[in-house]
Protein backbone atom coordinates (compact mmCIF):
# COMPACT_ATOMS: atom_id res chain seq x y z
CA UNK A 1 -49.75 22.79 -12.78
CA UNK A 2 -52.96 22.18 -14.82
CA UNK A 3 -53.97 18.87 -16.36
CA UNK A 4 -53.24 20.32 -19.81
CA UNK A 5 -49.51 20.66 -20.33
CA UNK A 6 -46.95 21.22 -22.97
CA UNK A 7 -43.40 19.77 -22.96
CA UNK A 8 -40.51 22.18 -23.36
CA UNK A 9 -36.89 21.33 -23.69
CA UNK A 10 -33.60 22.98 -22.42
CA UNK A 11 -30.00 21.91 -21.85
CA UNK A 12 -31.16 19.71 -19.01
CA UNK A 13 -33.84 17.81 -20.96
CA UNK A 14 -37.57 17.87 -20.97
CA UNK A 15 -40.06 19.52 -18.43
CA UNK A 16 -43.76 19.94 -18.39
CA UNK A 17 -45.26 23.45 -18.48
CA UNK A 18 -48.98 24.29 -18.23
CA UNK A 19 -50.22 24.63 -21.80
CA UNK A 20 -51.76 28.08 -21.30
CA UNK A 21 -48.83 29.56 -19.48
CA UNK A 22 -46.94 32.47 -20.90
CA UNK A 23 -43.92 31.40 -18.82
CA UNK A 24 -41.76 28.52 -19.90
CA UNK A 25 -39.50 25.74 -18.84
CA UNK A 26 -37.02 27.72 -16.77
CA UNK A 27 -39.77 29.30 -14.72
CA UNK A 28 -41.51 25.90 -14.35
CA UNK A 29 -38.37 24.38 -13.10
CA UNK A 30 -37.80 27.23 -10.59
CA UNK A 31 -41.34 26.87 -9.32
CA UNK A 32 -40.74 23.25 -8.65
CA UNK A 33 -37.31 23.79 -7.14
CA UNK A 34 -38.28 26.61 -4.67
CA UNK A 35 -41.48 25.79 -2.85
CA UNK A 36 -40.31 27.72 0.16
CA UNK A 37 -42.60 30.71 1.07
CA UNK A 38 -45.27 31.09 -1.46
CA UNK A 39 -44.20 34.73 -1.59
CA UNK A 40 -43.70 36.20 -5.06
CA UNK A 41 -41.56 39.20 -6.15
CA UNK A 42 -43.54 42.45 -5.48
CA UNK A 43 -45.46 44.38 -8.07
CA UNK A 44 -43.02 47.35 -7.93
CA UNK A 45 -40.18 44.97 -8.91
CA UNK A 46 -42.05 43.26 -11.74
CA UNK A 47 -43.04 46.66 -13.07
CA UNK A 48 -39.46 47.83 -13.06
CA UNK A 49 -38.25 44.58 -14.67
CA UNK A 50 -40.80 45.03 -17.45
CA UNK A 51 -39.67 48.65 -17.99
CA UNK A 52 -36.12 47.61 -18.32
CA UNK A 53 -36.99 44.87 -20.86
CA UNK A 54 -39.01 47.35 -22.91
CA UNK A 55 -36.14 49.75 -22.88
CA UNK A 56 -33.74 47.03 -23.79
CA UNK A 57 -35.88 46.13 -26.79
CA UNK A 58 -35.87 49.77 -27.98
CA UNK A 59 -32.06 50.09 -27.44
CA UNK A 60 -31.45 46.79 -29.41
CA UNK A 61 -33.55 48.03 -32.21
CA UNK A 62 -31.96 51.44 -32.39
CA UNK A 63 -28.48 49.76 -32.27
CA UNK A 64 -29.38 47.45 -35.02
CA UNK A 65 -29.02 44.33 -32.90
CA UNK A 66 -32.66 43.10 -33.03
CA UNK A 67 -34.99 43.34 -36.04
CA UNK A 68 -37.32 46.24 -35.83
CA UNK A 69 -40.51 44.13 -35.95
CA UNK A 70 -39.35 41.74 -33.28
CA UNK A 71 -38.02 44.60 -31.11
CA UNK A 72 -41.38 46.35 -31.41
CA UNK A 73 -43.34 43.23 -30.28
CA UNK A 74 -40.88 42.69 -27.42
CA UNK A 75 -41.23 46.31 -26.28
CA UNK A 76 -45.01 46.05 -26.34
CA UNK A 77 -45.01 42.75 -24.47
CA UNK A 78 -42.57 44.10 -21.83
CA UNK A 79 -44.75 47.20 -21.40
CA UNK A 80 -47.75 45.00 -20.76
CA UNK A 81 -45.64 43.22 -18.10
CA UNK A 82 -44.85 46.53 -16.57
CA UNK A 83 -48.48 47.45 -16.49
CA UNK A 84 -49.41 44.37 -14.61
CA UNK A 85 -51.13 42.43 -17.30
CA UNK A 86 -49.16 39.29 -16.67
CA UNK A 87 -48.61 39.36 -12.85
CA UNK A 88 -50.21 35.93 -12.43
CA UNK A 89 -47.44 34.48 -14.70
CA UNK A 90 -44.60 35.53 -12.21
CA UNK A 91 -44.76 32.40 -10.04
CA UNK A 92 -41.11 32.05 -8.81
CA UNK A 93 -40.68 32.19 -5.01
CA UNK A 94 -38.71 35.05 -3.46
CA UNK A 95 -36.29 32.49 -2.03
CA UNK A 96 -34.53 31.32 -5.21
CA UNK A 97 -31.24 31.68 -6.96
CA UNK A 98 -29.34 34.52 -5.29
CA UNK A 99 -28.96 36.31 -8.52
CA UNK A 100 -32.63 36.41 -9.23
CA UNK A 101 -31.97 34.44 -12.51
CA UNK A 102 -35.22 32.54 -12.23
CA UNK A 103 -37.29 35.69 -12.05
CA UNK A 104 -35.25 37.29 -14.81
CA UNK A 105 -36.00 34.21 -17.00
CA UNK A 106 -39.65 34.21 -15.93
CA UNK A 107 -39.84 37.74 -17.46
CA UNK A 108 -37.86 36.73 -20.57
CA UNK A 109 -40.23 33.76 -21.21
CA UNK A 110 -43.38 35.74 -20.60
CA UNK A 111 -42.17 38.48 -22.85
CA UNK A 112 -41.09 36.14 -25.69
CA UNK A 113 -44.32 34.15 -25.73
CA UNK A 114 -46.37 37.39 -25.73
CA UNK A 115 -44.24 39.04 -28.36
CA UNK A 116 -44.71 35.93 -30.63
CA UNK A 117 -48.40 36.06 -29.98
CA UNK A 118 -48.41 39.77 -31.00
CA UNK A 119 -46.57 38.76 -34.14
CA UNK A 120 -49.21 36.16 -35.00
CA UNK A 121 -46.94 33.21 -34.26
CA UNK A 122 -47.28 30.40 -31.81
CA UNK A 123 -48.17 28.25 -30.00
CA UNK A 124 -46.75 29.31 -26.60
CA UNK A 125 -43.53 27.48 -25.83
CA UNK A 126 -42.25 27.58 -29.42
CA UNK A 127 -39.85 30.51 -29.31
CA UNK A 128 -39.90 31.53 -32.88
CA UNK A 129 -39.06 34.20 -33.98
CA UNK A 130 -38.63 35.71 -30.53
CA UNK A 131 -36.34 33.75 -28.19
CA UNK A 132 -36.19 34.46 -24.45
CA UNK A 133 -32.35 34.44 -24.37
CA UNK A 134 -31.38 35.75 -27.80
CA UNK A 135 -33.95 38.52 -28.02
CA UNK A 136 -35.85 39.30 -24.71
CA UNK A 137 -32.54 39.11 -22.75
CA UNK A 138 -30.28 40.66 -25.44
CA UNK A 139 -27.44 42.64 -23.91
CA UNK A 140 -28.50 41.69 -20.37
CA UNK A 141 -27.53 39.35 -17.55
CA UNK A 142 -29.59 38.72 -14.42
CA UNK A 143 -26.55 39.92 -12.59
CA UNK A 144 -27.02 43.49 -13.75
CA UNK A 145 -30.72 43.55 -14.66
CA UNK A 146 -32.03 42.32 -11.32
CA UNK A 147 -30.10 44.80 -9.11
CA UNK A 148 -31.00 47.60 -11.52
CA UNK A 149 -34.69 46.57 -11.27
CA UNK A 150 -34.51 46.69 -7.44
CA UNK A 151 -32.93 50.20 -7.58
CA UNK A 152 -35.50 51.39 -10.16
CA UNK A 153 -38.46 50.06 -8.14
CA UNK A 154 -37.11 51.53 -4.85
CA UNK A 155 -36.47 55.00 -6.40
CA UNK A 156 -39.89 55.03 -7.93
CA UNK A 157 -41.77 53.91 -4.78
CA UNK A 158 -39.79 56.36 -2.62
CA UNK A 159 -40.86 59.21 -4.84
CA UNK A 160 -44.45 58.12 -5.40
CA UNK A 161 -45.30 56.53 -2.00
CA UNK A 162 -42.90 56.98 0.88
CA UNK A 163 -42.16 60.65 0.51
CA UNK A 164 -45.82 61.66 0.06
CA UNK A 165 -46.69 59.72 3.21
CA UNK A 166 -44.02 61.56 5.18
CA UNK A 167 -45.07 64.86 3.84
CA UNK A 168 -48.67 64.06 4.88
CA UNK A 169 -47.59 63.15 8.42
CA UNK A 170 -45.35 66.17 8.78
CA UNK A 171 -48.14 68.55 7.73
CA UNK A 172 -50.51 66.94 10.23
CA UNK A 173 -48.01 67.24 13.13
CA UNK A 174 -47.31 70.85 12.10
CA UNK A 175 -50.94 71.76 12.29
CA UNK A 176 -51.28 70.22 15.70
CA UNK A 177 -48.21 72.04 16.94
CA UNK A 178 -49.92 75.31 16.00
CA UNK A 179 -53.36 74.18 17.48
CA UNK A 180 -51.78 73.04 20.85
CA UNK A 181 -49.31 75.96 21.14
CA UNK A 182 -51.15 77.50 24.06
CA UNK A 183 -51.46 74.25 26.05
CA UNK A 184 -48.91 74.35 28.85
CA UNK A 185 -48.19 70.97 30.52
CA UNK A 186 -45.48 69.24 32.50
CA UNK A 187 -42.47 68.17 30.60
CA UNK A 188 -40.95 64.74 31.28
CA UNK A 189 -37.34 63.57 31.31
CA UNK A 190 -36.42 60.00 32.46
CA UNK A 191 -40.20 59.53 32.58
CA UNK A 192 -40.17 61.90 35.53
CA UNK A 193 -41.75 65.34 35.90
CA UNK A 194 -39.47 68.03 34.48
CA UNK A 195 -39.83 71.77 33.53
CA UNK A 196 -43.04 72.88 31.82
CA UNK A 197 -43.42 72.66 28.04
CA UNK A 198 -46.19 73.47 25.65
CA UNK A 199 -47.94 70.59 23.99
CA UNK A 200 -47.50 72.39 20.73
CA UNK A 201 -43.69 72.36 21.22
CA UNK A 202 -43.74 68.62 21.72
CA UNK A 203 -45.56 68.31 18.42
CA UNK A 204 -43.29 70.61 16.78
CA UNK A 205 -40.53 68.20 17.80
CA UNK A 206 -42.38 65.34 16.20
CA UNK A 207 -42.80 67.28 12.97
CA UNK A 208 -39.16 68.06 12.99
CA UNK A 209 -38.30 64.37 13.27
CA UNK A 210 -40.47 63.64 10.18
CA UNK A 211 -38.91 66.56 8.33
CA UNK A 212 -35.52 65.02 8.84
CA UNK A 213 -36.87 61.56 8.04
CA UNK A 214 -37.78 63.03 4.63
CA UNK A 215 -34.30 64.25 4.13
CA UNK A 216 -32.82 60.86 5.05
CA UNK A 217 -35.19 59.12 2.58
CA UNK A 218 -34.14 61.62 -0.20
CA UNK A 219 -30.49 60.78 0.42
CA UNK A 220 -31.32 57.16 0.25
CA UNK A 221 -32.93 57.69 -3.09
CA UNK A 222 -30.00 59.47 -4.40
CA UNK A 223 -27.66 56.63 -3.60
CA UNK A 224 -29.97 54.24 -5.35
CA UNK A 225 -29.87 56.17 -8.70
CA UNK A 226 -26.51 54.66 -9.63
CA UNK A 227 -27.25 51.28 -11.23
CA UNK A 228 -25.42 48.18 -12.45
CA UNK A 229 -26.93 47.90 -15.96
CA UNK A 230 -24.31 47.47 -18.64
CA UNK A 231 -22.05 45.26 -16.51
CA UNK A 232 -23.68 41.92 -17.70
CA UNK A 233 -22.18 38.80 -16.10
CA UNK A 234 -19.24 40.00 -14.05
CA UNK A 235 -19.00 43.83 -14.53
CA UNK A 236 -17.00 43.62 -17.86
CA UNK A 237 -19.97 44.31 -20.04
CA UNK A 238 -19.45 41.24 -22.07
CA UNK A 239 -22.05 40.73 -24.86
CA UNK A 240 -23.47 44.24 -24.40
CA UNK A 241 -23.03 47.21 -26.73
CA UNK A 242 -21.28 50.12 -25.03
CA UNK A 243 -24.30 52.38 -25.60
CA UNK A 244 -26.85 49.77 -24.47
CA UNK A 245 -27.19 50.81 -20.80
CA UNK A 246 -27.36 54.51 -21.48
CA UNK A 247 -30.09 54.02 -24.04
CA UNK A 248 -32.19 51.69 -21.83
CA UNK A 249 -31.89 54.20 -18.91
CA UNK A 250 -32.90 57.00 -21.11
CA UNK A 251 -36.14 55.08 -21.91
CA UNK A 252 -36.78 54.47 -18.31
CA UNK A 253 -36.32 58.13 -17.45
CA UNK A 254 -38.68 59.04 -20.15
CA UNK A 255 -41.26 56.61 -18.84
CA UNK A 256 -40.92 56.95 -15.04
CA UNK A 257 -39.64 60.52 -14.67
CA UNK A 258 -36.62 59.21 -12.58
CA UNK A 259 -33.07 59.79 -13.45
CA UNK A 260 -30.89 56.65 -13.11
CA UNK A 261 -27.29 56.63 -14.14
CA UNK A 262 -25.01 53.82 -15.22
CA UNK A 263 -22.34 53.24 -12.62
CA UNK A 264 -18.83 54.23 -13.37
CA UNK A 265 -17.57 51.16 -11.57
CA UNK A 266 -19.61 48.06 -12.52
CA UNK A 267 -17.37 45.71 -10.46
CA UNK A 268 -18.60 47.31 -7.13
CA UNK A 269 -22.09 47.62 -8.40
CA UNK A 270 -22.52 43.87 -8.89
CA UNK A 271 -20.26 42.46 -6.26
CA UNK A 272 -21.98 44.43 -3.47
CA UNK A 273 -25.21 45.87 -2.50
CA UNK A 274 -23.96 48.72 -0.39
CA UNK A 275 -26.54 51.11 -1.70
CA UNK A 276 -29.37 48.89 -0.49
CA UNK A 277 -27.59 48.55 2.92
CA UNK A 278 -27.23 52.36 3.12
CA UNK A 279 -30.88 53.08 2.07
CA UNK A 280 -32.16 50.40 4.51
CA UNK A 281 -30.27 52.08 7.35
CA UNK A 282 -31.97 55.29 6.55
CA UNK A 283 -35.38 53.47 6.56
CA UNK A 284 -34.61 51.97 9.94
CA UNK A 285 -33.98 55.46 11.35
CA UNK A 286 -37.29 56.61 10.01
CA UNK A 287 -39.00 53.61 11.53
CA UNK A 288 -37.44 54.36 14.92
CA UNK A 289 -38.63 57.98 14.62
CA UNK A 290 -42.12 56.77 14.05
CA UNK A 291 -41.93 54.45 17.14
CA UNK A 292 -40.87 57.39 19.26
CA UNK A 293 -43.73 59.61 18.01
CA UNK A 294 -46.34 56.70 18.30
CA UNK A 295 -45.09 55.70 21.79
CA UNK A 296 -45.27 59.38 23.10
CA UNK A 297 -48.81 59.80 21.73
CA UNK A 298 -50.13 56.55 23.19
CA UNK A 299 -48.51 57.31 26.61
CA UNK A 300 -49.95 60.88 26.71
CA UNK A 301 -53.38 59.37 25.78
CA UNK A 302 -53.13 56.59 28.43
CA UNK A 303 -55.99 56.24 30.83
CA UNK A 304 -58.30 58.02 30.24
CA UNK A 305 -58.73 58.25 33.97
CA UNK A 306 -56.01 56.25 35.54
CA UNK A 307 -53.25 57.25 33.20
CA UNK A 308 -51.66 60.48 31.95
CA UNK A 309 -54.73 61.45 30.01
CA UNK A 310 -53.31 64.63 28.31
CA UNK A 311 -54.48 63.60 24.88
CA UNK A 312 -57.66 62.08 23.50
CA UNK A 313 -57.27 59.96 20.44
CA UNK A 314 -59.98 59.33 17.83
CA UNK A 315 -62.17 56.49 18.85
CA UNK A 316 -62.04 54.43 15.65
CA UNK A 317 -62.95 50.91 16.93
CA UNK A 318 -63.90 49.05 20.16
CA UNK A 319 -60.74 48.06 22.12
CA UNK A 320 -61.86 44.99 23.94
CA UNK A 321 -63.85 41.87 23.39
CA UNK A 322 -64.67 41.69 27.12
CA UNK A 323 -64.47 45.24 28.53
CA UNK A 324 -67.38 47.29 27.20
CA UNK A 325 -66.58 50.91 26.18
CA UNK A 326 -62.75 50.38 26.15
CA UNK A 327 -60.91 52.23 23.41
CA UNK A 328 -57.24 51.45 22.67
CA UNK A 329 -54.44 53.33 20.79
CA UNK A 330 -54.65 50.86 17.93
CA UNK A 331 -53.09 53.14 15.27
CA UNK A 332 -49.94 53.81 17.19
CA UNK A 333 -49.65 50.17 17.99
CA UNK A 334 -50.02 49.25 14.31
CA UNK A 335 -47.36 51.85 13.37
CA UNK A 336 -44.95 50.46 15.88
CA UNK A 337 -45.52 46.91 14.58
CA UNK A 338 -44.78 48.06 11.09
CA UNK A 339 -41.64 49.81 12.32
CA UNK A 340 -40.48 46.56 13.91
CA UNK A 341 -40.84 44.77 10.55
CA UNK A 342 -38.69 47.51 8.97
CA UNK A 343 -36.02 46.98 11.59
CA UNK A 344 -36.15 43.25 10.77
CA UNK A 345 -35.85 44.00 7.12
CA UNK A 346 -32.81 46.04 7.83
CA UNK A 347 -31.20 43.18 9.64
CA UNK A 348 -31.98 41.00 6.65
CA UNK A 349 -30.46 43.48 4.26
CA UNK A 350 -27.37 43.95 6.35
CA UNK A 351 -26.87 40.17 6.46
CA UNK A 352 -27.43 40.11 2.69
CA UNK A 353 -24.81 42.66 2.17
CA UNK A 354 -22.21 40.29 3.56
CA UNK A 355 -22.85 37.73 0.72
CA UNK A 356 -20.97 39.63 -1.96
CA UNK A 357 -18.53 36.95 -2.88
CA UNK A 358 -16.11 37.98 -5.60
CA UNK A 359 -18.03 39.30 -8.56
CA UNK A 360 -21.62 38.96 -7.40
CA UNK A 361 -23.82 39.40 -4.41
CA UNK A 362 -26.15 36.33 -4.15
CA UNK A 363 -28.80 37.66 -1.87
CA UNK A 364 -30.49 39.93 -4.38
CA UNK A 365 -34.07 38.70 -4.28
CA UNK A 366 -34.57 38.67 -0.57
CA UNK A 367 -32.68 41.97 -0.04
CA UNK A 368 -34.79 43.62 -2.87
CA UNK A 369 -38.01 42.35 -1.39
CA UNK A 370 -37.08 43.46 2.13
CA UNK A 371 -36.14 47.02 0.94
CA UNK A 372 -39.32 47.41 -1.09
CA UNK A 373 -41.43 46.20 1.79
CA UNK A 374 -39.86 48.68 4.10
CA UNK A 375 -40.71 51.44 1.58
CA UNK A 376 -44.31 50.42 1.42
CA UNK A 377 -44.65 49.84 5.21
CA UNK A 378 -43.24 53.26 6.10
CA UNK A 379 -45.30 55.09 3.50
CA UNK A 380 -48.53 53.34 4.62
CA UNK A 381 -47.73 53.75 8.36
CA UNK A 382 -47.00 57.51 7.98
CA UNK A 383 -50.19 58.05 6.05
CA UNK A 384 -52.36 56.05 8.45
CA UNK A 385 -50.89 57.65 11.53
CA UNK A 386 -51.68 61.12 10.12
CA UNK A 387 -55.14 60.35 8.82
CA UNK A 388 -56.48 57.93 11.35
CA UNK A 389 -54.79 59.33 14.56
CA UNK A 390 -52.99 62.72 14.40
CA UNK A 391 -55.65 64.69 12.54
CA UNK A 392 -58.25 63.75 15.14
CA UNK A 393 -56.20 64.15 18.33
CA UNK A 394 -57.57 66.52 20.92
CA UNK A 395 -55.90 68.03 23.95
CA UNK A 396 -57.56 67.47 27.31
CA UNK A 397 -57.46 69.83 30.30
CA UNK A 398 -55.34 67.37 32.16
CA UNK A 399 -51.91 68.76 31.23
CA UNK A 400 -52.71 72.38 32.23
CA UNK A 401 -54.54 71.12 35.49
CA UNK A 402 -51.51 69.34 36.85
CA UNK A 403 -48.67 71.66 35.72
CA UNK A 404 -49.12 73.81 38.83
CA UNK A 405 -48.59 70.59 40.95
CA UNK A 406 -45.32 69.83 39.22
CA UNK A 407 -42.14 69.98 41.34
CA UNK A 408 -39.84 71.01 38.50
CA UNK A 409 -41.52 74.42 38.11
CA UNK A 410 -39.20 75.35 40.93
CA UNK A 411 -36.18 75.36 38.46
CA UNK A 412 -36.32 79.19 37.81
CA UNK A 413 -36.02 79.83 41.51
CA UNK A 414 -32.56 78.28 41.70
CA UNK A 415 -30.78 81.29 40.29
CA UNK A 416 -31.96 83.91 42.68
CA UNK A 417 -32.44 81.72 45.71
CA UNK A 418 -29.69 79.07 45.27
CA UNK A 419 -29.83 75.46 44.30
CA UNK A 420 -29.81 74.03 47.89
CA UNK A 421 -32.48 76.37 49.16
CA UNK A 422 -34.76 75.46 46.22
CA UNK A 423 -34.04 71.72 46.74
CA UNK A 424 -35.33 72.09 50.34
CA UNK A 425 -38.58 73.72 48.91
CA UNK A 426 -39.04 70.85 46.51
CA UNK A 427 -38.49 68.25 49.26
CA UNK A 428 -41.02 70.00 51.53
CA UNK A 429 -43.55 70.29 48.72
CA UNK A 430 -43.19 66.64 47.97
CA UNK A 431 -43.49 65.58 51.61
CA UNK A 432 -46.54 67.80 52.52
CA UNK A 433 -48.37 67.62 49.17
CA UNK A 434 -48.32 71.43 48.95
CA UNK A 435 -47.43 73.29 45.75
CA UNK A 436 -43.98 74.82 45.02
CA UNK A 437 -45.63 78.16 45.00
CA UNK A 438 -47.10 77.77 48.54
CA UNK A 439 -43.87 76.45 50.06
CA UNK A 440 -41.60 78.95 48.29
CA UNK A 441 -43.75 81.89 49.51
CA UNK A 442 -42.98 80.85 53.11
CA UNK A 443 -39.30 79.71 52.88
CA UNK A 444 -37.72 82.03 50.22
CA UNK A 445 -37.00 85.73 50.64
CA UNK A 446 -38.56 86.75 47.34
CA UNK A 447 -41.05 89.53 46.76
CA UNK A 448 -44.48 88.27 45.76
CA UNK A 449 -44.40 89.91 42.47
CA UNK A 450 -40.89 88.36 41.77
CA UNK A 451 -42.11 84.91 42.94
CA UNK A 452 -45.15 85.23 40.63
CA UNK A 453 -42.92 86.22 37.68
CA UNK A 454 -40.53 83.36 38.26
CA UNK A 455 -43.31 80.79 38.59
CA UNK A 456 -45.16 81.89 35.44
CA UNK A 457 -45.34 78.59 33.72
CA UNK A 458 -46.12 79.95 30.33
CA UNK A 459 -42.99 82.12 30.55
CA UNK A 460 -40.88 79.02 31.44
CA UNK A 461 -41.61 77.48 28.02
CA UNK A 462 -39.89 80.20 26.03
CA UNK A 463 -41.10 81.57 22.74
């Protein structure tokens, strides 16, 4: 609040508003009522809300519901909101009315004041000829606009941010799978030595995880394309023209190159956030995939002398404030922390999904923010992991050096010699420190050529 204020009036009485603000009394009341986190609705959501308001203005003009001059000014003002020109005017806390009404009215007031300014009218706070309710919000309710804005923002950011990040990571892992294809090392199951595997095969597995993560994200995006717009207050479409939602969504499709569709069942679309719960579950799965990949990489790079030491990660920053020369796996650690936040967001969204009482879910702002944050975090984490870690990974000689010492290379001997006989070979090798090859040559009745063939570690890894 600045020292210069104007007084606006609503059904509850008078309230001061900063004189220069494009927002109005309902926004100012909300800012005073919800001083909870200091966190505002994210840029992607504000952009989506602005696009919907612009589309609504055009639809209302074409349907003859709002005068063409007013509708044109509203559309321009809303487009400026979408472009980020008025982000500082969106001051309502994330933790607010469960329908997001305060943020919807924040947009309506900004759009109305800016539209009147474009029409050469004023001052701010005098809503003539454009009114926040009668014109900027015509044919809309917070109950259908806010969930639609969440869906639009999520679909857009999935396409523009998350999927490109996953494609980038997958490509990096695929390149490394080819580069490391000739590096034979000891596989591990239960964290214990197992049959040989090629390092390239391990990276092929990681690339496959990310490929399937992309599919999951694509499925999540498809479920989010069905939107609530047109249902207005309780799903009945009261005060909205039957063609309104379709016309608005056509505008959004034209602007954003995303295809949203009006739901065939508005009652489920506004009383639940099942699509958000579903999408968040897919994002949680992607996050867990990234944890698996990041953990494997930092374990294989552990050491470099007292650990596994099969990989060398790029040295991008000093790792210790007390131990000179120490370098830590900071990128995998950062990715894992981001994944933990995504898992936490999923818990928030799952809990939010339970608050769909009767005709409205009343956890829309926090669920929307959590979903959009997960999209941003996963897109950023995938890109950073690729660019700052995977691209620069090198294989050391440690994996091939110790594969011959592995006990599980005895596995191919079990068929010709019998399981129990080979188990005795493994036990003796472990007790004496000798290799499987040395012990087997003395204990098993296999020709040297056959033993050599069976203990060919490259052959054990298949194609």
